[in-house]
């Protein structure tokens, strides 16, 4: 199922708190528009571009990128973009594209 951007805007357009994969913490989405999802923390902000998110979902759907959140991060960096891949994993898990898991290890 491709990424439905209208649903992304409906869910994150006015901001949201997205549970992290490891639990107990949240990713702050400031807003979403036709081009991107904008995230922030007290010390940084970033843009998750729509074109990259859509490509990531397409690669999940065709089996190139793993649905496991821990494996997804490296695959996303390799095949899509080095654009806050961990944050992308939190968003795509929240949207139902990645598996639920209790463990989430990120190699930097």
N, C-alpha and C. Protein backbone atom coordinates (compact mmCIF):
# COMPACT_ATOMS: atom_id res chain seq x y z
N UNK A 1 0.85 -1.17 0.00
CA UNK A 1 0.00 0.00 0.00
C UNK A 1 0.89 1.24 0.00
N UNK A 2 0.78 2.11 -0.99
CA UNK A 2 1.62 3.31 -1.03
C UNK A 2 1.27 4.29 0.09
N UNK A 3 2.18 5.19 0.34
CA UNK A 3 1.97 6.21 1.36
C UNK A 3 0.93 7.21 0.88
N UNK A 4 -0.13 7.34 1.64
CA UNK A 4 -1.21 8.28 1.31
C UNK A 4 -0.89 9.60 2.00
N UNK A 5 -0.42 10.57 1.22
CA UNK A 5 0.04 11.82 1.80
C UNK A 5 -1.09 12.62 2.44
N UNK A 6 -2.31 12.47 1.95
CA UNK A 6 -3.45 13.14 2.59
C UNK A 6 -3.62 12.66 4.02
N UNK A 7 -3.39 11.38 4.25
CA UNK A 7 -3.47 10.84 5.61
C UNK A 7 -2.32 11.36 6.48
N UNK A 8 -1.16 11.51 5.87
CA UNK A 8 -0.01 12.06 6.60
C UNK A 8 -0.33 13.47 7.07
N UNK A 9 -0.87 14.30 6.18
CA UNK A 9 -1.21 15.67 6.56
C UNK A 9 -2.32 15.69 7.61
N UNK A 10 -3.30 14.81 7.46
CA UNK A 10 -4.38 14.75 8.45
C UNK A 10 -3.84 14.37 9.83
N UNK A 11 -2.87 13.47 9.85
CA UNK A 11 -2.34 12.98 11.12
C UNK A 11 -1.34 13.95 11.75
N UNK A 12 -0.48 14.56 10.93
CA UNK A 12 0.64 15.35 11.45
C UNK A 12 0.58 16.83 11.08
N UNK A 13 -0.38 17.25 10.28
CA UNK A 13 -0.43 18.60 9.77
C UNK A 13 -0.37 19.69 10.82
N UNK A 14 -1.03 19.48 11.93
CA UNK A 14 -1.05 20.47 13.01
C UNK A 14 -0.11 20.12 14.15
N UNK A 15 0.80 19.18 13.89
CA UNK A 15 1.73 18.74 14.92
C UNK A 15 1.23 17.49 15.62
N UNK A 16 2.16 16.77 16.21
CA UNK A 16 1.82 15.53 16.91
C UNK A 16 3.02 15.06 17.71
N UNK A 17 2.76 14.21 18.66
CA UNK A 17 3.81 13.50 19.37
C UNK A 17 3.73 12.05 18.93
N UNK A 18 4.82 11.54 18.38
CA UNK A 18 4.88 10.18 17.87
C UNK A 18 5.69 9.33 18.83
N UNK A 19 5.12 8.23 19.32
CA UNK A 19 5.89 7.37 20.22
C UNK A 19 7.12 6.82 19.52
N UNK A 20 8.24 6.79 20.23
CA UNK A 20 9.44 6.22 19.64
C UNK A 20 9.35 4.70 19.68
N UNK A 21 10.15 4.08 18.84
CA UNK A 21 10.14 2.63 18.75
C UNK A 21 10.57 2.00 20.06
N UNK A 22 11.52 2.62 20.75
CA UNK A 22 12.01 2.05 22.01
C UNK A 22 11.06 2.30 23.17
N UNK A 23 10.09 3.16 22.98
CA UNK A 23 9.07 3.40 24.01
C UNK A 23 9.49 4.40 25.05
N UNK A 24 8.49 5.04 25.65
CA UNK A 24 8.75 5.96 26.73
C UNK A 24 9.09 7.38 26.32
N UNK A 25 9.50 7.58 25.08
CA UNK A 25 9.83 8.91 24.59
C UNK A 25 8.99 9.19 23.35
N UNK A 26 9.01 10.45 22.95
CA UNK A 26 8.21 10.85 21.80
C UNK A 26 9.04 11.71 20.85
N UNK A 27 8.73 11.57 19.57
CA UNK A 27 9.27 12.42 18.53
C UNK A 27 8.25 13.53 18.30
N UNK A 28 8.70 14.78 18.34
CA UNK A 28 7.79 15.90 18.16
C UNK A 28 7.71 16.29 16.68
N UNK A 29 6.53 16.13 16.12
CA UNK A 29 6.28 16.60 14.76
C UNK A 29 5.68 18.00 14.91
N UNK A 30 6.35 18.98 14.32
CA UNK A 30 5.86 20.36 14.41
C UNK A 30 4.70 20.58 13.46
N UNK A 31 4.81 20.02 12.25
CA UNK A 31 3.77 20.17 11.25
C UNK A 31 4.10 19.31 10.04
N UNK A 32 3.16 19.23 9.13
CA UNK A 32 3.36 18.56 7.84
C UNK A 32 2.63 19.37 6.79
N UNK A 33 3.22 19.40 5.59
CA UNK A 33 2.56 20.08 4.47
C UNK A 33 2.72 19.21 3.22
N UNK A 34 2.47 19.77 2.06
CA UNK A 34 2.54 18.99 0.82
C UNK A 34 3.94 18.50 0.49
N UNK A 35 4.95 19.09 1.09
CA UNK A 35 6.34 18.76 0.74
C UNK A 35 7.06 17.89 1.76
N UNK A 36 6.67 17.97 3.04
CA UNK A 36 7.49 17.33 4.06
C UNK A 36 6.78 17.24 5.40
N UNK A 37 7.41 16.48 6.29
CA UNK A 37 7.08 16.45 7.71
C UNK A 37 8.22 17.15 8.42
N UNK A 38 7.89 18.08 9.31
CA UNK A 38 8.90 18.87 10.01
C UNK A 38 8.93 18.42 11.46
N UNK A 39 10.11 18.02 11.91
CA UNK A 39 10.26 17.53 13.28
C UNK A 39 11.23 18.42 14.03
N UNK A 40 11.12 18.39 15.36
CA UNK A 40 12.02 19.21 16.16
C UNK A 40 12.22 18.63 17.54
N UNK A 41 13.32 19.02 18.12
CA UNK A 41 13.63 18.71 19.51
C UNK A 41 14.12 20.01 20.14
N UNK A 42 14.43 20.01 21.41
CA UNK A 42 14.93 21.26 22.01
C UNK A 42 16.25 21.75 21.40
N UNK A 43 17.03 20.85 20.77
CA UNK A 43 18.34 21.27 20.27
C UNK A 43 18.51 21.16 18.75
N UNK A 44 17.54 20.62 18.02
CA UNK A 44 17.65 20.53 16.57
C UNK A 44 16.26 20.49 15.93
N UNK A 45 16.26 20.71 14.64
CA UNK A 45 15.05 20.54 13.85
C UNK A 45 15.46 19.91 12.52
N UNK A 46 14.51 19.23 11.88
CA UNK A 46 14.82 18.54 10.63
C UNK A 46 13.58 18.45 9.76
N UNK A 47 13.83 18.22 8.50
CA UNK A 47 12.77 18.07 7.52
C UNK A 47 12.85 16.67 6.94
N UNK A 48 11.74 15.96 6.97
CA UNK A 48 11.63 14.64 6.34
C UNK A 48 10.86 14.84 5.05
N UNK A 49 11.56 14.81 3.93
CA UNK A 49 10.96 15.15 2.65
C UNK A 49 10.02 14.06 2.14
N UNK A 50 8.89 14.51 1.64
CA UNK A 50 7.85 13.62 1.12
C UNK A 50 8.40 12.64 0.10
N UNK A 51 9.17 13.11 -0.85
CA UNK A 51 9.69 12.25 -1.91
C UNK A 51 10.50 11.10 -1.32
N UNK A 52 11.28 11.37 -0.27
CA UNK A 52 12.08 10.32 0.36
C UNK A 52 11.21 9.35 1.15
N UNK A 53 10.23 9.88 1.87
CA UNK A 53 9.32 9.00 2.62
C UNK A 53 8.55 8.09 1.67
N UNK A 54 8.08 8.63 0.56
CA UNK A 54 7.34 7.82 -0.41
C UNK A 54 8.24 6.75 -1.02
N UNK A 55 9.47 7.11 -1.34
CA UNK A 55 10.41 6.13 -1.88
C UNK A 55 10.70 5.04 -0.85
N UNK A 56 10.86 5.43 0.41
CA UNK A 56 11.10 4.45 1.47
C UNK A 56 9.95 3.46 1.59
N UNK A 57 8.72 3.96 1.55
CA UNK A 57 7.55 3.07 1.64
C UNK A 57 7.50 2.15 0.43
N UNK A 58 7.77 2.68 -0.76
CA UNK A 58 7.79 1.83 -1.96
C UNK A 58 8.80 0.70 -1.82
N UNK A 59 9.98 1.01 -1.27
CA UNK A 59 11.02 -0.01 -1.09
C UNK A 59 10.67 -1.01 0.01
N UNK A 60 9.92 -0.59 1.00
CA UNK A 60 9.41 -1.52 2.01
C UNK A 60 8.43 -2.47 1.34
N UNK A 61 7.53 -1.90 0.56
CA UNK A 61 6.48 -2.69 -0.09
C UNK A 61 7.05 -3.70 -1.08
N UNK A 62 8.13 -3.35 -1.77
CA UNK A 62 8.68 -4.32 -2.74
C UNK A 62 9.71 -5.26 -2.12
N UNK A 63 9.94 -5.12 -0.80
CA UNK A 63 10.82 -6.04 -0.09
C UNK A 63 12.29 -5.66 -0.07
N UNK A 64 12.65 -4.54 -0.67
CA UNK A 64 14.05 -4.10 -0.68
C UNK A 64 14.50 -3.66 0.71
N UNK A 65 13.63 -2.96 1.41
CA UNK A 65 13.92 -2.48 2.76
C UNK A 65 13.09 -3.29 3.76
N UNK A 66 13.73 -3.65 4.86
CA UNK A 66 13.08 -4.46 5.90
C UNK A 66 11.99 -3.69 6.63
N UNK A 67 10.98 -4.43 7.07
CA UNK A 67 9.93 -3.87 7.93
C UNK A 67 10.35 -3.81 9.40
N UNK A 68 11.46 -4.43 9.73
CA UNK A 68 12.00 -4.38 11.09
C UNK A 68 12.59 -2.99 11.31
N UNK A 69 12.12 -2.24 12.31
CA UNK A 69 12.60 -0.87 12.50
C UNK A 69 14.11 -0.75 12.65
N UNK A 70 14.75 -1.68 13.32
CA UNK A 70 16.20 -1.61 13.50
C UNK A 70 16.96 -1.80 12.21
N UNK A 71 16.50 -2.71 11.37
CA UNK A 71 17.14 -2.94 10.08
C UNK A 71 16.77 -1.85 9.08
N UNK A 72 15.58 -1.31 9.23
CA UNK A 72 15.10 -0.27 8.32
C UNK A 72 16.05 0.93 8.27
N UNK A 73 16.55 1.34 9.41
CA UNK A 73 17.36 2.56 9.49
C UNK A 73 18.56 2.48 8.54
N UNK A 74 19.32 1.41 8.60
CA UNK A 74 20.48 1.28 7.72
C UNK A 74 20.06 1.19 6.27
N UNK A 75 19.00 0.43 6.00
CA UNK A 75 18.52 0.30 4.62
C UNK A 75 18.06 1.65 4.07
N UNK A 76 17.36 2.42 4.88
CA UNK A 76 16.87 3.73 4.44
C UNK A 76 18.05 4.65 4.08
N UNK A 77 19.06 4.64 4.91
CA UNK A 77 20.25 5.46 4.62
C UNK A 77 20.91 4.99 3.32
N UNK A 78 20.99 3.69 3.12
CA UNK A 78 21.64 3.14 1.95
C UNK A 78 20.85 3.38 0.66
N UNK A 79 19.54 3.13 0.70
CA UNK A 79 18.74 3.15 -0.52
C UNK A 79 17.98 4.45 -0.78
N UNK A 80 17.78 5.25 0.27
CA UNK A 80 16.93 6.44 0.10
C UNK A 80 17.70 7.71 0.40
N UNK A 81 17.97 7.99 1.65
CA UNK A 81 18.63 9.24 2.01
C UNK A 81 19.17 9.15 3.44
N UNK A 82 20.22 9.90 3.70
CA UNK A 82 20.74 10.02 5.06
C UNK A 82 20.05 11.24 5.67
N UNK A 83 18.77 11.06 5.95
CA UNK A 83 17.90 12.15 6.40
C UNK A 83 17.13 11.71 7.64
N UNK A 84 17.79 11.77 8.78
CA UNK A 84 17.14 11.41 10.04
C UNK A 84 16.39 10.08 9.94
N UNK A 85 17.11 9.06 9.52
CA UNK A 85 16.50 7.75 9.27
C UNK A 85 15.81 7.18 10.52
N UNK A 86 16.36 7.44 11.69
CA UNK A 86 15.71 6.96 12.91
C UNK A 86 14.36 7.63 13.09
N UNK A 87 14.29 8.92 12.84
CA UNK A 87 13.01 9.63 12.93
C UNK A 87 12.02 9.11 11.89
N UNK A 88 12.52 8.83 10.69
CA UNK A 88 11.67 8.25 9.65
C UNK A 88 11.10 6.91 10.13
N UNK A 89 11.93 6.11 10.79
CA UNK A 89 11.46 4.82 11.32
C UNK A 89 10.32 5.02 12.32
N UNK A 90 10.44 6.01 13.18
CA UNK A 90 9.37 6.27 14.15
C UNK A 90 8.07 6.66 13.42
N UNK A 91 8.19 7.52 12.43
CA UNK A 91 7.01 7.96 11.67
C UNK A 91 6.38 6.79 10.92
N UNK A 92 7.20 6.03 10.19
CA UNK A 92 6.63 4.93 9.39
C UNK A 92 6.08 3.81 10.26
N UNK A 93 6.65 3.63 11.45
CA UNK A 93 6.07 2.66 12.38
C UNK A 93 4.71 3.16 12.87
N UNK A 94 4.63 4.45 13.18
CA UNK A 94 3.38 5.05 13.62
C UNK A 94 2.30 4.95 12.54
N UNK A 95 2.71 5.01 11.29
CA UNK A 95 1.77 4.90 10.18
C UNK A 95 1.45 3.45 9.79
N UNK A 96 2.13 2.49 10.43
CA UNK A 96 1.83 1.08 10.20
C UNK A 96 2.65 0.41 9.12
N UNK A 97 3.71 1.05 8.64
CA UNK A 97 4.53 0.45 7.59
C UNK A 97 5.66 -0.41 8.15
N UNK A 98 6.05 -0.19 9.39
CA UNK A 98 7.09 -1.00 10.02
C UNK A 98 6.48 -1.82 11.14
N UNK A 99 7.13 -2.93 11.43
CA UNK A 99 6.66 -3.85 12.46
C UNK A 99 6.76 -3.23 13.84
N UNK A 100 5.89 -3.67 14.71
CA UNK A 100 5.99 -3.33 16.13
C UNK A 100 7.10 -4.20 16.70
N UNK A 101 7.93 -3.64 17.55
CA UNK A 101 9.01 -4.40 18.15
C UNK A 101 9.38 -3.77 19.48
N UNK A 102 9.89 -4.59 20.35
CA UNK A 102 10.33 -4.10 21.65
C UNK A 102 11.78 -3.66 21.61
N UNK A 103 12.55 -4.16 20.66
CA UNK A 103 13.96 -3.79 20.59
C UNK A 103 14.20 -2.95 19.36
N UNK A 104 15.07 -2.01 19.50
CA UNK A 104 15.37 -1.10 18.41
C UNK A 104 16.80 -0.64 18.59
N UNK A 105 17.70 -1.19 17.83
CA UNK A 105 19.10 -0.86 17.94
C UNK A 105 19.52 -0.11 16.69
N UNK A 106 20.19 1.00 16.90
CA UNK A 106 20.65 1.83 15.79
C UNK A 106 22.16 1.86 15.83
N UNK A 107 22.77 1.53 14.72
CA UNK A 107 24.22 1.63 14.62
C UNK A 107 24.56 2.94 13.93
N UNK A 108 25.43 3.71 14.54
CA UNK A 108 25.82 5.00 13.95
C UNK A 108 27.17 4.88 13.30
